[in-house]
Amino acid sequence: MPNIKSAKKRVKVTEKKTLINLSHKTALKTAIKKFEAAAATGNKEEATVLFNQAVKKLDQSVSRGILHKNNAARKKSQLALKLAKLA
């Protein structure tokens, strides 16, 4: 447990940021799962819309520093491949 005032504040800030990052990660995973579910059913129109939403969430995660840009690029590539296989 920190004794110094600034260290106590850092603990609070870190906990708050961790919760925010966790909620963003959860929303990202949900968007990806929704796309994969639509792709599994073969619904191309819905999958295209959900693909765009998932890519947007990935890009936002990179800009917020939640994901590394290469990790997001790899995930976008995998999702694009699944979308292309629907055609």
C-alpha atoms as a PDB file:
ATOM      1  CA  MET A   1       0.000   0.000   0.000  1.00  0.00           C
ATOM      2  CA  PRO A   2       1.498   3.356  -0.990  1.00  0.00           C
ATOM      3  CA  ASN A   3       2.202   5.969   1.676  1.00  0.00           C
ATOM      4  CA  ILE A   4       2.991   8.922  -0.589  1.00  0.00           C
ATOM      5  CA  LYS A   5       0.054  10.983  -1.837  1.00  0.00           C
ATOM      6  CA  SER A   6       1.115  10.899  -5.503  1.00  0.00           C
ATOM      7  CA  ALA A   7       1.552   7.104  -5.345  1.00  0.00           C
ATOM      8  CA  LYS A   8      -1.957   6.735  -3.895  1.00  0.00           C
ATOM      9  CA  LYS A   9      -3.306   8.826  -6.765  1.00  0.00           C
ATOM     10  CA  ARG A  10      -1.478   6.684  -9.340  1.00  0.00           C
ATOM     11  CA  VAL A  11      -3.111   3.574  -7.863  1.00  0.00           C
ATOM     12  CA  LYS A  12      -6.563   5.160  -8.233  1.00  0.00           C
ATOM     13  CA  VAL A  13      -5.862   6.371 -11.774  1.00  0.00           C
ATOM     14  CA  THR A  14      -4.477   2.990 -12.810  1.00  0.00           C
ATOM     15  CA  GLU A  15      -7.550   1.162 -11.494  1.00  0.00           C
ATOM     16  CA  LYS A  16      -9.868   3.555 -13.331  1.00  0.00           C
ATOM     17  CA  LYS A  17      -7.921   3.261 -16.605  1.00  0.00           C
ATOM     18  CA  THR A  18      -7.831  -0.534 -16.272  1.00  0.00           C
ATOM     19  CA  LEU A  19     -11.635  -0.657 -16.043  1.00  0.00           C
ATOM     20  CA  ILE A  20     -12.006   1.627 -19.060  1.00  0.00           C
ATOM     21  CA  ASN A  21      -9.558  -0.460 -21.120  1.00  0.00           C
ATOM     22  CA  LEU A  22     -11.338  -3.641 -20.056  1.00  0.00           C
ATOM     23  CA  SER A  23     -14.694  -2.288 -21.232  1.00  0.00           C
ATOM     24  CA  HIS A  24     -13.187  -1.307 -24.600  1.00  0.00           C
ATOM     25  CA  LYS A  25     -11.627  -4.769 -24.998  1.00  0.00           C
ATOM     26  CA  THR A  26     -14.957  -6.394 -24.179  1.00  0.00           C
ATOM     27  CA  ALA A  27     -16.773  -4.260 -26.759  1.00  0.00           C
ATOM     28  CA  LEU A  28     -14.108  -5.144 -29.329  1.00  0.00           C
ATOM     29  CA  LYS A  29     -14.428  -8.882 -28.669  1.00  0.00           C
ATOM     30  CA  THR A  30     -18.228  -8.610 -28.897  1.00  0.00           C
ATOM     31  CA  ALA A  31     -18.012  -6.840 -32.277  1.00  0.00           C
ATOM     32  CA  ILE A  32     -15.672  -9.538 -33.614  1.00  0.00           C
ATOM     33  CA  LYS A  33     -17.903 -12.350 -32.329  1.00  0.00           C
ATOM     34  CA  LYS A  34     -20.985 -10.747 -33.917  1.00  0.00           C
ATOM     35  CA  PHE A  35     -19.187 -10.605 -37.265  1.00  0.00           C
ATOM     36  CA  GLU A  36     -18.026 -14.213 -36.981  1.00  0.00           C
ATOM     37  CA  ALA A  37     -21.569 -15.339 -36.130  1.00  0.00           C
ATOM     38  CA  ALA A  38     -22.960 -13.544 -39.192  1.00  0.00           C
ATOM     39  CA  ALA A  39     -20.191 -15.007 -41.352  1.00  0.00           C
ATOM     40  CA  ALA A  40     -20.945 -18.492 -40.038  1.00  0.00           C
ATOM     41  CA  THR A  41     -24.596 -18.171 -41.065  1.00  0.00           C
ATOM     42  CA  GLY A  42     -23.548 -16.988 -44.532  1.00  0.00           C
ATOM     43  CA  ASN A  43     -25.384 -13.662 -44.397  1.00  0.00           C
ATOM     44  CA  LYS A  44     -23.075 -11.514 -46.547  1.00  0.00           C
ATOM     45  CA  GLU A  45     -24.906  -8.182 -46.185  1.00  0.00           C
ATOM     46  CA  GLU A  46     -25.055  -8.352 -42.403  1.00  0.00           C
ATOM     47  CA  ALA A  47     -21.492  -9.654 -42.248  1.00  0.00           C
ATOM     48  CA  THR A  48     -20.264  -6.703 -44.322  1.00  0.00           C
ATOM     49  CA  VAL A  49     -21.865  -4.196 -41.949  1.00  0.00           C
ATOM     50  CA  LEU A  50     -20.523  -6.016 -38.893  1.00  0.00           C
ATOM     51  CA  PHE A  51     -17.079  -6.291 -40.513  1.00  0.00           C
ATOM     52  CA  ASN A  52     -16.936  -2.510 -40.875  1.00  0.00           C
ATOM     53  CA  GLN A  53     -17.937  -2.073 -37.236  1.00  0.00           C
ATOM     54  CA  ALA A  54     -15.309  -4.577 -36.066  1.00  0.00           C
ATOM     55  CA  VAL A  55     -12.590  -2.860 -38.114  1.00  0.00           C
ATOM     56  CA  LYS A  56     -13.608   0.494 -36.652  1.00  0.00           C
ATOM     57  CA  LYS A  57     -13.366  -0.929 -33.112  1.00  0.00           C
ATOM     58  CA  LEU A  58      -9.935  -2.378 -33.899  1.00  0.00           C
ATOM     59  CA  ASP A  59      -8.697   0.980 -35.191  1.00  0.00           C
ATOM     60  CA  GLN A  60     -10.063   2.745 -32.113  1.00  0.00           C
ATOM     61  CA  SER A  61      -8.319   0.237 -29.857  1.00  0.00           C
ATOM     62  CA  VAL A  62      -5.015   0.946 -31.588  1.00  0.00           C
ATOM     63  CA  SER A  63      -5.440   4.705 -31.233  1.00  0.00           C
ATOM     64  CA  ARG A  64      -6.247   4.305 -27.527  1.00  0.00           C
ATOM     65  CA  GLY A  65      -3.190   2.123 -26.992  1.00  0.00           C
ATOM     66  CA  ILE A  66      -5.173  -0.978 -26.033  1.00  0.00           C
ATOM     67  CA  LEU A  67      -3.879  -3.084 -28.933  1.00  0.00           C
ATOM     68  CA  HIS A  68      -0.614  -3.017 -30.851  1.00  0.00           C
ATOM     69  CA  LYS A  69      -1.034  -1.910 -34.467  1.00  0.00           C
ATOM     70  CA  ASN A  70       0.370  -5.172 -35.856  1.00  0.00           C
ATOM     71  CA  ASN A  71      -2.025  -7.196 -33.706  1.00  0.00           C
ATOM     72  CA  ALA A  72      -4.973  -5.167 -35.032  1.00  0.00           C
ATOM     73  CA  ALA A  73      -3.708  -5.477 -38.605  1.00  0.00           C
ATOM     74  CA  ARG A  74      -3.497  -9.258 -38.245  1.00  0.00           C
ATOM     75  CA  LYS A  75      -7.042  -9.436 -36.849  1.00  0.00           C
ATOM     76  CA  LYS A  76      -8.393  -7.206 -39.634  1.00  0.00           C
ATOM     77  CA  SER A  77      -6.696  -9.416 -42.191  1.00  0.00           C
ATOM     78  CA  GLN A  78      -8.220 -12.556 -40.689  1.00  0.00           C
ATOM     79  CA  LEU A  79     -11.696 -10.991 -40.649  1.00  0.00           C
ATOM     80  CA  ALA A  80     -11.316  -9.768 -44.248  1.00  0.00           C
ATOM     81  CA  LEU A  81     -10.370 -13.279 -45.326  1.00  0.00           C
ATOM     82  CA  LYS A  82     -13.524 -14.684 -43.698  1.00  0.00           C
ATOM     83  CA  LEU A  83     -15.607 -12.012 -45.437  1.00  0.00           C
ATOM     84  CA  ALA A  84     -14.007 -12.781 -48.794  1.00  0.00           C
ATOM     85  CA  LYS A  85     -14.802 -16.485 -48.420  1.00  0.00           C
ATOM     86  CA  LEU A  86     -18.507 -15.654 -48.185  1.00  0.00           C
ATOM     87  CA  ALA A  87     -18.590 -14.365 -51.771  1.00  0.00           C
END
